[in-house]
Amino acid sequence: MTASFVVLTEKSGFSSVSLPCGITAMIDRDKVTFAADKSGENSTDGTVFTYHGGTETFENALYRIVFSDKPIKKEEILPSKENIYNLSILREFDCDKINRSVTVRYKRDGDAYVYDGHTHKVKKMFTDAKLSEREKRLTPLVTDGDGIIWVPGFSTRDGMRATDPLEGHTLYVFCTKKQN
Protein backbone atom coordinates (compact mmCIF):
# COMPACT_ATOMS: atom_id res chain seq x y z
CA MET A 1 0.00 0.00 0.00
CA THR A 2 2.84 2.42 0.78
CA ALA A 3 4.26 1.82 -2.70
CA SER A 4 0.90 2.88 -4.17
CA PHE A 5 1.06 6.26 -2.46
CA VAL A 6 4.66 6.76 -3.59
CA VAL A 7 3.46 6.27 -7.21
CA LEU A 8 0.66 8.78 -6.62
CA THR A 9 2.89 11.45 -5.14
CA GLU A 10 5.74 11.10 -7.65
CA LYS A 11 3.54 12.18 -10.59
CA SER A 12 2.54 15.78 -11.20
CA GLY A 13 -1.06 16.71 -12.01
CA PHE A 14 -3.65 13.92 -11.77
CA SER A 15 -2.97 10.26 -11.08
CA SER A 16 -4.84 7.35 -9.57
CA VAL A 17 -4.18 3.86 -8.31
CA SER A 18 -6.49 0.92 -7.56
CA LEU A 19 -6.32 -0.30 -3.98
CA PRO A 20 -7.61 -3.54 -2.44
CA CYS A 21 -11.38 -4.01 -1.89
CA GLY A 22 -12.37 -2.02 -5.00
CA ILE A 23 -11.13 1.37 -3.78
CA THR A 24 -9.41 3.90 -6.04
CA ALA A 25 -7.11 6.60 -4.62
CA MET A 26 -6.85 9.76 -6.73
CA ILE A 27 -4.58 12.77 -6.40
CA ASP A 28 -5.25 15.96 -8.36
CA ARG A 29 -2.63 18.61 -7.65
CA ASP A 30 -2.76 18.80 -3.84
CA LYS A 31 -6.09 17.02 -3.21
CA VAL A 32 -6.32 13.30 -2.38
CA THR A 33 -9.67 11.51 -2.66
CA PHE A 34 -10.83 7.92 -2.30
CA ALA A 35 -13.78 6.35 -4.12
CA ALA A 36 -15.35 2.98 -4.75
CA ASP A 37 -13.88 1.71 -8.02
CA LYS A 38 -16.54 2.12 -10.71
CA SER A 39 -14.21 2.13 -13.67
CA GLY A 40 -16.14 -0.52 -15.55
CA GLU A 41 -13.31 -3.05 -15.41
CA ASN A 42 -15.79 -5.80 -14.56
CA SER A 43 -17.76 -5.07 -17.75
CA THR A 44 -16.39 -6.27 -21.07
CA ASP A 45 -17.50 -3.08 -22.87
CA GLY A 46 -16.65 -0.58 -20.10
CA THR A 47 -20.28 0.11 -19.19
CA VAL A 48 -20.62 1.41 -15.65
CA PHE A 49 -24.41 1.95 -15.63
CA THR A 50 -27.41 0.67 -17.63
CA TYR A 51 -30.82 2.36 -17.53
CA HIS A 52 -33.65 -0.17 -17.11
CA GLY A 53 -36.70 2.12 -16.95
CA GLY A 54 -38.58 4.21 -14.41
CA THR A 55 -36.35 6.64 -12.53
CA GLU A 56 -32.73 5.63 -11.95
CA THR A 57 -29.60 7.53 -10.95
CA PHE A 58 -25.95 7.27 -12.00
CA GLU A 59 -23.46 9.03 -9.76
CA ASN A 60 -19.69 9.40 -9.62
CA ALA A 61 -17.28 11.83 -7.96
CA LEU A 62 -18.12 14.67 -10.41
CA TYR A 63 -21.61 14.05 -11.79
CA ARG A 64 -25.09 12.93 -10.81
CA ILE A 65 -27.36 11.91 -13.70
CA VAL A 66 -31.03 11.07 -13.19
CA PHE A 67 -32.76 9.11 -15.96
CA SER A 68 -36.57 9.02 -16.01
CA ASP A 69 -39.45 8.10 -18.29
CA LYS A 70 -41.48 10.89 -16.65
CA PRO A 71 -40.78 14.66 -16.66
CA ILE A 72 -38.20 15.67 -14.05
CA LYS A 73 -38.68 18.69 -11.79
CA LYS A 74 -35.27 20.24 -11.14
CA GLU A 75 -36.47 21.66 -7.84
CA GLU A 76 -37.08 18.14 -6.46
CA ILE A 77 -33.54 17.01 -7.25
CA LEU A 78 -31.42 20.04 -6.30
CA PRO A 79 -31.40 21.71 -2.89
CA SER A 80 -33.28 25.00 -3.12
CA LYS A 81 -30.20 27.10 -2.23
CA GLU A 82 -28.21 25.96 -5.26
CA ASN A 83 -28.25 27.87 -8.55
CA ILE A 84 -29.83 25.28 -10.82
CA TYR A 85 -28.93 27.15 -13.99
CA ASN A 86 -25.17 26.92 -13.45
CA LEU A 87 -25.14 23.38 -12.08
CA SER A 88 -27.68 21.45 -14.12
CA ILE A 89 -28.62 20.32 -17.61
CA LEU A 90 -31.90 18.74 -18.71
CA ARG A 91 -31.97 16.72 -21.93
CA GLU A 92 -34.99 15.07 -23.51
CA PHE A 93 -34.34 12.14 -25.87
CA ASP A 94 -36.76 10.54 -28.31
CA CYS A 95 -37.09 6.92 -27.12
CA ASP A 96 -38.06 5.79 -30.62
CA LYS A 97 -34.58 6.75 -31.83
CA ILE A 98 -32.66 4.95 -29.06
CA ASN A 99 -31.05 1.74 -30.31
CA ARG A 100 -31.15 -0.99 -27.63
CA SER A 101 -30.51 0.28 -24.11
CA VAL A 102 -29.13 3.51 -22.68
CA THR A 103 -25.83 3.07 -20.86
CA VAL A 104 -23.15 5.21 -19.24
CA ARG A 105 -19.45 4.63 -19.75
CA TYR A 106 -16.22 6.61 -19.72
CA LYS A 107 -14.12 7.86 -22.65
CA ARG A 108 -12.22 5.42 -24.85
CA ASP A 109 -9.52 6.09 -27.44
CA GLY A 110 -11.09 7.15 -30.73
CA ASP A 111 -14.51 8.13 -29.31
CA ALA A 112 -16.45 10.50 -31.56
CA TYR A 113 -20.05 11.44 -32.32
CA VAL A 114 -22.01 13.65 -34.70
CA TYR A 115 -23.67 16.82 -33.50
CA ASP A 116 -24.39 20.09 -35.27
CA GLY A 117 -23.83 18.26 -38.57
CA HIS A 118 -20.16 17.42 -37.88
CA THR A 119 -18.22 14.56 -36.31
CA HIS A 120 -16.51 15.64 -33.09
CA LYS A 121 -13.77 13.65 -31.38
CA VAL A 122 -14.31 13.44 -27.63
CA LYS A 123 -10.61 13.82 -26.88
CA LYS A 124 -10.48 17.12 -28.79
CA MET A 125 -13.74 18.32 -27.21
CA PHE A 126 -12.31 17.73 -23.74
CA THR A 127 -9.01 19.41 -24.63
CA ASP A 128 -10.73 22.45 -26.18
CA ALA A 129 -12.93 22.76 -23.08
CA LYS A 130 -9.74 22.73 -20.95
CA LEU A 131 -10.93 19.89 -18.73
CA SER A 132 -8.45 18.63 -16.13
CA GLU A 133 -7.20 15.05 -16.39
CA ARG A 134 -9.58 14.13 -13.57
CA GLU A 135 -12.55 15.69 -15.40
CA LYS A 136 -11.59 13.93 -18.64
CA ARG A 137 -11.45 10.60 -16.84
CA LEU A 138 -14.68 11.06 -14.86
CA THR A 139 -16.97 12.76 -17.40
CA PRO A 140 -19.65 10.20 -18.23
CA LEU A 141 -20.71 9.44 -21.81
CA VAL A 142 -24.40 8.54 -22.32
CA THR A 143 -24.60 5.90 -25.06
CA ASP A 144 -26.92 3.53 -26.91
CA GLY A 145 -26.32 0.73 -29.43
CA ASP A 146 -25.29 3.26 -32.08
CA GLY A 147 -22.68 5.04 -29.96
CA ILE A 148 -22.55 8.24 -27.94
CA ILE A 149 -25.85 10.07 -27.48
CA TRP A 150 -24.63 12.86 -25.24
CA VAL A 151 -21.68 14.08 -23.16
CA PRO A 152 -22.59 16.45 -20.28
CA GLY A 153 -21.56 19.98 -21.16
CA PHE A 154 -21.73 19.32 -24.90
CA SER A 155 -24.44 18.91 -27.54
CA THR A 156 -26.71 15.95 -28.11
CA ARG A 157 -26.11 13.57 -31.04
CA ASP A 158 -27.98 14.75 -34.13
CA GLY A 159 -31.53 13.43 -34.35
CA MET A 160 -31.82 12.29 -30.71
CA ARG A 161 -33.64 15.23 -29.12
CA ALA A 162 -37.34 14.81 -28.51
CA THR A 163 -39.16 17.23 -30.82
CA ASP A 164 -42.25 17.34 -28.60
CA PRO A 165 -41.49 15.94 -25.15
CA LEU A 166 -45.17 15.94 -24.18
CA GLU A 167 -46.05 13.59 -27.05
CA GLY A 168 -44.75 10.08 -27.54
CA HIS A 169 -41.98 8.31 -25.68
CA THR A 170 -39.40 10.58 -24.08
CA LEU A 171 -36.41 9.79 -21.91
CA TYR A 172 -35.64 12.65 -19.54
CA VAL A 173 -32.02 13.00 -18.42
CA PHE A 174 -31.16 15.50 -15.71
CA CYS A 175 -27.46 16.02 -15.03
CA THR A 176 -25.82 17.99 -12.23
CA LYS A 177 -22.12 18.63 -11.86
CA LYS A 178 -20.97 18.46 -8.27
CA GLN A 179 -19.13 21.39 -6.76
CA ASN A 180 -15.71 20.39 -5.42
C-alpha atoms as a PDB file:
ATOM      1  CA  MET A   1       0.000   0.000   0.000  1.00  0.00           C
ATOM      2  CA  THR A   2       2.843   2.420   0.784  1.00  0.00           C
ATOM      3  CA  ALA A   3       4.255   1.824  -2.697  1.00  0.00           C
ATOM      4  CA  SER A   4       0.898   2.878  -4.172  1.00  0.00           C
ATOM      5  CA  PHE A   5       1.060   6.260  -2.464  1.00  0.00           C
ATOM      6  CA  VAL A   6       4.657   6.758  -3.595  1.00  0.00           C
ATOM      7  CA  VAL A   7       3.461   6.273  -7.206  1.00  0.00           C
ATOM      8  CA  LEU A   8       0.657   8.780  -6.618  1.00  0.00           C
ATOM      9  CA  THR A   9       2.885  11.455  -5.139  1.00  0.00           C
ATOM     10  CA  GLU A  10       5.740  11.104  -7.652  1.00  0.00           C
ATOM     11  CA  LYS A  11       3.536  12.177 -10.590  1.00  0.00           C
ATOM     12  CA  SER A  12       2.544  15.776 -11.196  1.00  0.00           C
ATOM     13  CA  GLY A  13      -1.060  16.712 -12.015  1.00  0.00           C
ATOM     14  CA  PHE A  14      -3.647  13.920 -11.774  1.00  0.00           C
ATOM     15  CA  SER A  15      -2.974  10.257 -11.078  1.00  0.00           C
ATOM     16  CA  SER A  16      -4.844   7.347  -9.566  1.00  0.00           C
ATOM     17  CA  VAL A  17      -4.185   3.856  -8.312  1.00  0.00           C
ATOM     18  CA  SER A  18      -6.492   0.922  -7.559  1.00  0.00           C
ATOM     19  CA  LEU A  19      -6.323  -0.298  -3.982  1.00  0.00           C
ATOM     20  CA  PRO A  20      -7.610  -3.539  -2.442  1.00  0.00           C
ATOM     21  CA  CYS A  21     -11.378  -4.008  -1.892  1.00  0.00           C
ATOM     22  CA  GLY A  22     -12.373  -2.021  -5.004  1.00  0.00           C
ATOM     23  CA  ILE A  23     -11.128   1.366  -3.780  1.00  0.00           C
ATOM     24  CA  THR A  24      -9.406   3.905  -6.037  1.00  0.00           C
ATOM     25  CA  ALA A  25      -7.114   6.596  -4.623  1.00  0.00           C
ATOM     26  CA  MET A  26      -6.852   9.755  -6.726  1.00  0.00           C
ATOM     27  CA  ILE A  27      -4.577  12.770  -6.396  1.00  0.00           C
ATOM     28  CA  ASP A  28      -5.247  15.964  -8.362  1.00  0.00           C
ATOM     29  CA  ARG A  29      -2.629  18.614  -7.648  1.00  0.00           C
ATOM     30  CA  ASP A  30      -2.756  18.802  -3.836  1.00  0.00           C
ATOM     31  CA  LYS A  31      -6.094  17.018  -3.211  1.00  0.00           C
ATOM     32  CA  VAL A  32      -6.321  13.302  -2.383  1.00  0.00           C
ATOM     33  CA  THR A  33      -9.673  11.505  -2.658  1.00  0.00           C
ATOM     34  CA  PHE A  34     -10.830   7.915  -2.300  1.00  0.00           C
ATOM     35  CA  ALA A  35     -13.777   6.348  -4.121  1.00  0.00           C
ATOM     36  CA  ALA A  36     -15.349   2.981  -4.755  1.00  0.00           C
ATOM     37  CA  ASP A  37     -13.876   1.710  -8.024  1.00  0.00           C
ATOM     38  CA  LYS A  38     -16.543   2.117 -10.706  1.00  0.00           C
ATOM     39  CA  SER A  39     -14.212   2.132 -13.671  1.00  0.00           C
ATOM     40  CA  GLY A  40     -16.139  -0.520 -15.550  1.00  0.00           C
ATOM     41  CA  GLU A  41     -13.310  -3.053 -15.410  1.00  0.00           C
ATOM     42  CA  ASN A  42     -15.791  -5.803 -14.563  1.00  0.00           C
ATOM     43  CA  SER A  43     -17.755  -5.066 -17.754  1.00  0.00           C
ATOM     44  CA  THR A  44     -16.386  -6.273 -21.071  1.00  0.00           C
ATOM     45  CA  ASP A  45     -17.496  -3.077 -22.869  1.00  0.00           C
ATOM     46  CA  GLY A  46     -16.651  -0.577 -20.095  1.00  0.00           C
ATOM     47  CA  THR A  47     -20.282   0.107 -19.195  1.00  0.00           C
ATOM     48  CA  VAL A  48     -20.623   1.411 -15.647  1.00  0.00           C
ATOM     49  CA  PHE A  49     -24.415   1.946 -15.634  1.00  0.00           C
ATOM     50  CA  THR A  50     -27.406   0.666 -17.625  1.00  0.00           C
ATOM     51  CA  TYR A  51     -30.818   2.361 -17.528  1.00  0.00           C
ATOM     52  CA  HIS A  52     -33.654  -0.170 -17.114  1.00  0.00           C
ATOM     53  CA  GLY A  53     -36.703   2.123 -16.949  1.00  0.00           C
ATOM     54  CA  GLY A  54     -38.584   4.214 -14.412  1.00  0.00           C
ATOM     55  CA  THR A  55     -36.350   6.638 -12.526  1.00  0.00           C
ATOM     56  CA  GLU A  56     -32.727   5.631 -11.946  1.00  0.00           C
ATOM     57  CA  THR A  57     -29.595   7.528 -10.953  1.00  0.00           C
ATOM     58  CA  PHE A  58     -25.946   7.271 -12.005  1.00  0.00           C
ATOM     59  CA  GLU A  59     -23.456   9.033  -9.762  1.00  0.00           C
ATOM     60  CA  ASN A  60     -19.692   9.395  -9.618  1.00  0.00           C
ATOM     61  CA  ALA A  61     -17.276  11.830  -7.958  1.00  0.00           C
ATOM     62  CA  LEU A  62     -18.121  14.666 -10.412  1.00  0.00           C
ATOM     63  CA  TYR A  63     -21.614  14.047 -11.788  1.00  0.00           C
ATOM     64  CA  ARG A  64     -25.089  12.925 -10.810  1.00  0.00           C
ATOM     65  CA  ILE A  65     -27.362  11.911 -13.702  1.00  0.00           C
ATOM     66  CA  VAL A  66     -31.033  11.072 -13.190  1.00  0.00           C
ATOM     67  CA  PHE A  67     -32.763   9.105 -15.962  1.00  0.00           C
ATOM     68  CA  SER A  68     -36.569   9.023 -16.012  1.00  0.00           C
ATOM     69  CA  ASP A  69     -39.445   8.105 -18.290  1.00  0.00           C
ATOM     70  CA  LYS A  70     -41.478  10.893 -16.648  1.00  0.00           C
ATOM     71  CA  PRO A  71     -40.785  14.662 -16.659  1.00  0.00           C
ATOM     72  CA  ILE A  72     -38.205  15.667 -14.048  1.00  0.00           C
ATOM     73  CA  LYS A  73     -38.683  18.686 -11.795  1.00  0.00           C
ATOM     74  CA  LYS A  74     -35.271  20.238 -11.137  1.00  0.00           C
ATOM     75  CA  GLU A  75     -36.469  21.661  -7.836  1.00  0.00           C
ATOM     76  CA  GLU A  76     -37.077  18.143  -6.464  1.00  0.00           C
ATOM     77  CA  ILE A  77     -33.539  17.013  -7.247  1.00  0.00           C
ATOM     78  CA  LEU A  78     -31.418  20.035  -6.297  1.00  0.00           C
ATOM     79  CA  PRO A  79     -31.397  21.711  -2.892  1.00  0.00           C
ATOM     80  CA  SER A  80     -33.283  25.003  -3.115  1.00  0.00           C
ATOM     81  CA  LYS A  81     -30.204  27.096  -2.234  1.00  0.00           C
ATOM     82  CA  GLU A  82     -28.205  25.956  -5.263  1.00  0.00           C
ATOM     83  CA  ASN A  83     -28.246  27.874  -8.548  1.00  0.00           C
ATOM     84  CA  ILE A  84     -29.833  25.283 -10.822  1.00  0.00           C
ATOM     85  CA  TYR A  85     -28.933  27.155 -13.994  1.00  0.00           C
ATOM     86  CA  ASN A  86     -25.168  26.918 -13.453  1.00  0.00           C
ATOM     87  CA  LEU A  87     -25.137  23.382 -12.083  1.00  0.00           C
ATOM     88  CA  SER A  88     -27.682  21.454 -14.120  1.00  0.00           C
ATOM     89  CA  ILE A  89     -28.620  20.323 -17.612  1.00  0.00           C
ATOM     90  CA  LEU A  90     -31.903  18.737 -18.709  1.00  0.00           C
ATOM     91  CA  ARG A  91     -31.970  16.724 -21.933  1.00  0.00           C
ATOM     92  CA  GLU A  92     -34.989  15.067 -23.513  1.00  0.00           C
ATOM     93  CA  PHE A  93     -34.340  12.142 -25.870  1.00  0.00           C
ATOM     94  CA  ASP A  94     -36.763  10.544 -28.309  1.00  0.00           C
ATOM     95  CA  CYS A  95     -37.090   6.923 -27.119  1.00  0.00           C
ATOM     96  CA  ASP A  96     -38.062   5.786 -30.621  1.00  0.00           C
ATOM     97  CA  LYS A  97     -34.583   6.749 -31.828  1.00  0.00           C
ATOM     98  CA  ILE A  98     -32.660   4.949 -29.065  1.00  0.00           C
ATOM     99  CA  ASN A  99     -31.049   1.736 -30.310  1.00  0.00           C
ATOM    100  CA  ARG A 100     -31.151  -0.989 -27.633  1.00  0.00           C
ATOM    101  CA  SER A 101     -30.514   0.275 -24.111  1.00  0.00           C
ATOM    102  CA  VAL A 102     -29.135   3.505 -22.679  1.00  0.00           C
ATOM    103  CA  THR A 103     -25.833   3.072 -20.857  1.00  0.00           C
ATOM    104  CA  VAL A 104     -23.155   5.215 -19.242  1.00  0.00           C
ATOM    105  CA  ARG A 105     -19.447   4.631 -19.753  1.00  0.00           C
ATOM    106  CA  TYR A 106     -16.221   6.608 -19.719  1.00  0.00           C
ATOM    107  CA  LYS A 107     -14.115   7.857 -22.647  1.00  0.00           C
ATOM    108  CA  ARG A 108     -12.221   5.420 -24.853  1.00  0.00           C
ATOM    109  CA  ASP A 109      -9.523   6.087 -27.436  1.00  0.00           C
ATOM    110  CA  GLY A 110     -11.090   7.147 -30.734  1.00  0.00           C
ATOM    111  CA  ASP A 111     -14.510   8.130 -29.314  1.00  0.00           C
ATOM    112  CA  ALA A 112     -16.446  10.499 -31.564  1.00  0.00           C
ATOM    113  CA  TYR A 113     -20.046  11.436 -32.322  1.00  0.00           C
ATOM    114  CA  VAL A 114     -22.012  13.647 -34.696  1.00  0.00           C
ATOM    115  CA  TYR A 115     -23.668  16.820 -33.504  1.00  0.00           C
ATOM    116  CA  ASP A 116     -24.391  20.093 -35.270  1.00  0.00           C
ATOM    117  CA  GLY A 117     -23.828  18.259 -38.567  1.00  0.00           C
ATOM    118  CA  HIS A 118     -20.164  17.420 -37.877  1.00  0.00           C
ATOM    119  CA  THR A 119     -18.223  14.562 -36.310  1.00  0.00           C
ATOM    120  CA  HIS A 120     -16.512  15.643 -33.094  1.00  0.00           C
ATOM    121  CA  LYS A 121     -13.766  13.649 -31.379  1.00  0.00           C
ATOM    122  CA  VAL A 122     -14.313  13.439 -27.632  1.00  0.00           C
ATOM    123  CA  LYS A 123     -10.606  13.815 -26.876  1.00  0.00           C
ATOM    124  CA  LYS A 124     -10.476  17.119 -28.787  1.00  0.00           C
ATOM    125  CA  MET A 125     -13.743  18.318 -27.214  1.00  0.00           C
ATOM    126  CA  PHE A 126     -12.308  17.727 -23.741  1.00  0.00           C
ATOM    127  CA  THR A 127      -9.008  19.414 -24.630  1.00  0.00           C
ATOM    128  CA  ASP A 128     -10.727  22.446 -26.178  1.00  0.00           C
ATOM    129  CA  ALA A 129     -12.931  22.759 -23.080  1.00  0.00           C
ATOM    130  CA  LYS A 130      -9.745  22.729 -20.955  1.00  0.00           C
ATOM    131  CA  LEU A 131     -10.927  19.891 -18.731  1.00  0.00           C
ATOM    132  CA  SER A 132      -8.453  18.628 -16.128  1.00  0.00           C
ATOM    133  CA  GLU A 133      -7.199  15.050 -16.390  1.00  0.00           C
ATOM    134  CA  ARG A 134      -9.578  14.125 -13.568  1.00  0.00           C
ATOM    135  CA  GLU A 135     -12.553  15.690 -15.399  1.00  0.00           C
ATOM    136  CA  LYS A 136     -11.588  13.935 -18.636  1.00  0.00           C
ATOM    137  CA  ARG A 137     -11.450  10.599 -16.843  1.00  0.00           C
ATOM    138  CA  LEU A 138     -14.682  11.056 -14.861  1.00  0.00           C
ATOM    139  CA  THR A 139     -16.972  12.757 -17.400  1.00  0.00           C
ATOM    140  CA  PRO A 140     -19.655  10.195 -18.233  1.00  0.00           C
ATOM    141  CA  LEU A 141     -20.711   9.437 -21.809  1.00  0.00           C
ATOM    142  CA  VAL A 142     -24.398   8.541 -22.316  1.00  0.00           C
ATOM    143  CA  THR A 143     -24.599   5.902 -25.063  1.00  0.00           C
ATOM    144  CA  ASP A 144     -26.920   3.532 -26.911  1.00  0.00           C
ATOM    145  CA  GLY A 145     -26.323   0.725 -29.427  1.00  0.00           C
ATOM    146  CA  ASP A 146     -25.291   3.256 -32.081  1.00  0.00           C
ATOM    147  CA  GLY A 147     -22.683   5.036 -29.956  1.00  0.00           C
ATOM    148  CA  ILE A 148     -22.548   8.235 -27.943  1.00  0.00           C
ATOM    149  CA  ILE A 149     -25.855  10.066 -27.480  1.00  0.00           C
ATOM    150  CA  TRP A 150     -24.632  12.856 -25.241  1.00  0.00           C
ATOM    151  CA  VAL A 151     -21.684  14.082 -23.164  1.00  0.00           C
ATOM    152  CA  PRO A 152     -22.594  16.451 -20.277  1.00  0.00           C
ATOM    153  CA  GLY A 153     -21.555  19.981 -21.158  1.00  0.00           C
ATOM    154  CA  PHE A 154     -21.729  19.322 -24.901  1.00  0.00           C
ATOM    155  CA  SER A 155     -24.442  18.914 -27.543  1.00  0.00           C
ATOM    156  CA  THR A 156     -26.714  15.950 -28.106  1.00  0.00           C
ATOM    157  CA  ARG A 157     -26.113  13.570 -31.038  1.00  0.00           C
ATOM    158  CA  ASP A 158     -27.976  14.749 -34.130  1.00  0.00           C
ATOM    159  CA  GLY A 159     -31.530  13.430 -34.350  1.00  0.00           C
ATOM    160  CA  MET A 160     -31.815  12.292 -30.713  1.00  0.00           C
ATOM    161  CA  ARG A 161     -33.641  15.234 -29.120  1.00  0.00           C
ATOM    162  CA  ALA A 162     -37.338  14.810 -28.512  1.00  0.00           C
ATOM    163  CA  THR A 163     -39.165  17.226 -30.824  1.00  0.00           C
ATOM    164  CA  ASP A 164     -42.253  17.341 -28.602  1.00  0.00           C
ATOM    165  CA  PRO A 165     -41.489  15.940 -25.147  1.00  0.00           C
ATOM    166  CA  LEU A 166     -45.167  15.938 -24.182  1.00  0.00           C
ATOM    167  CA  GLU A 167     -46.054  13.585 -27.048  1.00  0.00           C
ATOM    168  CA  GLY A 168     -44.745  10.084 -27.535  1.00  0.00           C
ATOM    169  CA  HIS A 169     -41.977   8.313 -25.675  1.00  0.00           C
ATOM    170  CA  THR A 170     -39.396  10.580 -24.081  1.00  0.00           C
ATOM    171  CA  LEU A 171     -36.406   9.786 -21.908  1.00  0.00           C
ATOM    172  CA  TYR A 172     -35.635  12.654 -19.542  1.00  0.00           C
ATOM    173  CA  VAL A 173     -32.023  13.001 -18.423  1.00  0.00           C
ATOM    174  CA  PHE A 174     -31.155  15.504 -15.709  1.00  0.00           C
ATOM    175  CA  CYS A 175     -27.457  16.017 -15.030  1.00  0.00           C
ATOM    176  CA  THR A 176     -25.818  17.985 -12.230  1.00  0.00           C
ATOM    177  CA  LYS A 177     -22.115  18.634 -11.865  1.00  0.00           C
ATOM    178  CA  LYS A 178     -20.966  18.457  -8.271  1.00  0.00           C
ATOM    179  CA  GLN A 179     -19.128  21.393  -6.760  1.00  0.00           C
ATOM    180  CA  ASN A 180     -15.707  20.393  -5.424  1.00  0.00           C
END
